[in-house]
Amino acid sequence: MHFETSVDIDASPENVWTILKDVERWPEMTASINRVELLDKPVALSSRARVFQPKLPAAIWTITAFAENKTFTWESRSPGVITTAAHEIVTNPDGTVSVHLTLDQKGPLAPIMSLLAGRLVRRYVTMEANGLKSKAETL
């Protein structure tokens, strides 16, 4: 499964990045996440977090790519499925930003997972993008 969404945010890249990398506070901006426990601080390459979401089992996510103020990608592994989620901030000429979120699932059980939870996962990624926009634009 591959899913991506983008949202334009009327806020500075620095403000958006501050919110984006504060993963423990994500539940404040979206109902798609109940709780995030940062297992390794600070948020950086190789940091891990345990993410609790409604209707999904808790998952440990490990940051596999990280560029301060620009992007981070993290990965979660479960039997038969590797899920990779990327978060990228692109600065627009007017100083606002576009945030691109992508989610990929690969592995022998990925097609089954897509059938069982694909719609929910796509809804959650969209909720996270909209929640980020709302929070960043009200700061």
Protein backbone atom coordinates (compact mmCIF):
# COMPACT_ATOMS: atom_id res chain seq x y z
CA MET A 1 0.00 0.00 0.00
CA HIS A 2 1.17 3.50 -0.79
CA PHE A 3 -0.63 6.61 0.38
CA GLU A 4 0.37 10.24 0.31
CA THR A 5 -1.25 13.53 1.14
CA SER A 6 -0.14 17.14 1.26
CA VAL A 7 -1.41 20.16 3.12
CA ASP A 8 -0.54 23.84 2.75
CA ILE A 9 0.04 25.56 6.08
CA ASP A 10 0.06 29.30 6.69
CA ALA A 11 2.90 29.18 9.22
CA SER A 12 6.67 29.40 9.23
CA PRO A 13 8.69 26.27 8.53
CA GLU A 14 10.27 26.56 11.99
CA ASN A 15 6.88 26.54 13.73
CA VAL A 16 5.67 23.59 11.69
CA TRP A 17 8.89 21.67 12.37
CA THR A 18 8.64 22.34 16.11
CA ILE A 19 5.15 20.83 16.17
CA LEU A 20 6.02 17.97 13.84
CA LYS A 21 9.03 16.73 15.78
CA ASP A 22 7.26 17.00 19.16
CA VAL A 23 5.77 13.54 18.63
CA GLU A 24 4.69 13.12 22.25
CA ARG A 25 2.20 15.99 21.77
CA TRP A 26 0.67 14.66 18.54
CA PRO A 27 -2.44 13.47 20.42
CA GLU A 28 -3.24 17.17 21.00
CA MET A 29 -3.60 17.75 17.27
CA THR A 30 -5.29 14.58 16.06
CA ALA A 31 -7.77 12.00 17.31
CA SER A 32 -5.89 9.40 15.24
CA ILE A 33 -3.27 9.06 17.99
CA ASN A 34 -4.01 8.27 21.62
CA ARG A 35 -0.50 8.44 23.04
CA VAL A 36 3.14 8.57 21.98
CA GLU A 37 5.97 7.51 24.28
CA LEU A 38 9.36 8.74 23.11
CA LEU A 39 11.77 5.92 23.99
CA ASP A 40 14.95 7.77 22.94
CA LYS A 41 15.43 11.51 23.40
CA PRO A 42 15.88 13.84 21.66
CA VAL A 43 14.06 13.13 18.41
CA ALA A 44 16.90 12.35 15.99
CA LEU A 45 18.18 9.64 13.69
CA SER A 46 17.61 6.20 15.31
CA SER A 47 15.24 7.56 17.99
CA ARG A 48 12.32 5.28 18.77
CA ALA A 49 8.76 5.97 19.85
CA ARG A 50 5.88 3.74 20.86
CA VAL A 51 2.69 4.96 19.19
CA PHE A 52 -0.79 4.05 20.40
CA GLN A 53 -3.64 4.56 17.92
CA PRO A 54 -7.33 3.74 18.11
CA LYS A 55 -8.25 0.39 16.51
CA LEU A 56 -4.57 -0.50 15.85
CA PRO A 57 -2.02 -2.36 17.94
CA ALA A 58 0.69 -0.23 19.58
CA ALA A 59 3.76 0.01 17.36
CA ILE A 60 7.38 0.99 17.86
CA TRP A 61 8.61 3.42 15.23
CA THR A 62 12.32 4.02 14.58
CA ILE A 63 13.55 7.16 12.80
CA THR A 64 15.51 6.04 9.72
CA ALA A 65 16.09 9.44 8.07
CA PHE A 66 16.29 12.85 9.70
CA ALA A 67 17.11 16.35 8.45
CA GLU A 68 16.53 19.08 11.04
CA ASN A 69 13.81 21.56 10.02
CA LYS A 70 13.01 19.58 6.85
CA THR A 71 12.05 15.92 7.16
CA PHE A 72 11.99 12.74 9.12
CA THR A 73 11.07 9.22 8.15
CA TRP A 74 10.31 6.45 10.56
CA GLU A 75 9.67 2.76 10.21
CA SER A 76 7.64 0.21 12.11
CA ARG A 77 8.05 -3.54 11.73
CA SER A 78 5.47 -6.19 12.49
CA PRO A 79 5.34 -9.81 11.34
CA GLY A 80 5.16 -9.75 7.54
CA VAL A 81 4.82 -5.96 7.18
CA ILE A 82 7.22 -3.03 7.21
CA THR A 83 5.50 0.34 7.41
CA THR A 84 7.43 3.48 6.49
CA ALA A 85 6.05 6.97 7.09
CA ALA A 86 7.74 10.14 5.83
CA HIS A 87 7.08 13.72 6.92
CA GLU A 88 8.51 16.44 4.68
CA ILE A 89 8.31 20.21 5.00
CA VAL A 90 8.69 22.23 1.79
CA THR A 91 9.04 26.00 2.09
CA ASN A 92 6.93 27.95 -0.38
CA PRO A 93 8.15 31.23 -1.95
CA ASP A 94 5.78 33.22 0.29
CA GLY A 95 7.30 31.77 3.48
CA THR A 96 4.45 29.35 4.18
CA VAL A 97 4.95 25.62 3.89
CA SER A 98 3.55 22.52 2.30
CA VAL A 99 3.79 19.35 4.34
CA HIS A 100 3.91 16.05 2.47
CA LEU A 101 3.07 12.86 4.35
CA THR A 102 3.61 9.45 2.79
CA LEU A 103 2.99 5.98 4.10
CA ASP A 104 4.19 2.76 2.51
CA GLN A 105 3.60 -0.82 3.59
CA LYS A 106 5.71 -3.64 2.18
CA GLY A 107 6.20 -7.29 2.92
CA PRO A 108 4.40 -10.57 2.34
CA LEU A 109 1.42 -9.59 4.52
CA ALA A 110 1.15 -6.00 3.27
CA PRO A 111 -1.67 -6.76 0.79
CA ILE A 112 -3.74 -8.38 3.54
CA MET A 113 -3.00 -5.50 5.91
CA SER A 114 -4.06 -3.06 3.21
CA LEU A 115 -7.39 -4.85 2.83
CA LEU A 116 -8.00 -4.99 6.57
CA ALA A 117 -6.78 -1.55 7.67
CA GLY A 118 -5.91 0.45 4.55
CA ARG A 119 -8.95 2.69 4.69
CA LEU A 120 -8.40 3.41 8.39
CA VAL A 121 -4.69 4.12 7.89
CA ARG A 122 -5.38 6.52 5.01
CA ARG A 123 -7.98 8.31 7.14
CA TYR A 124 -5.50 8.60 10.03
CA VAL A 125 -2.73 10.06 7.84
CA THR A 126 -5.20 12.63 6.48
CA MET A 127 -6.34 13.48 10.02
CA GLU A 128 -2.71 13.99 11.07
CA ALA A 129 -2.05 16.35 8.15
CA ASN A 130 -5.17 18.39 8.90
CA GLY A 131 -4.42 18.43 12.61
CA LEU A 132 -0.90 19.70 11.98
CA LYS A 133 -2.29 22.48 9.78
CA SER A 134 -4.86 23.49 12.38
CA LYS A 135 -2.37 23.52 15.25
CA ALA A 136 0.35 25.38 13.32
CA GLU A 137 -2.03 28.05 12.06
CA THR A 138 -3.37 28.81 15.54
CA LEU A 139 0.02 29.40 17.18
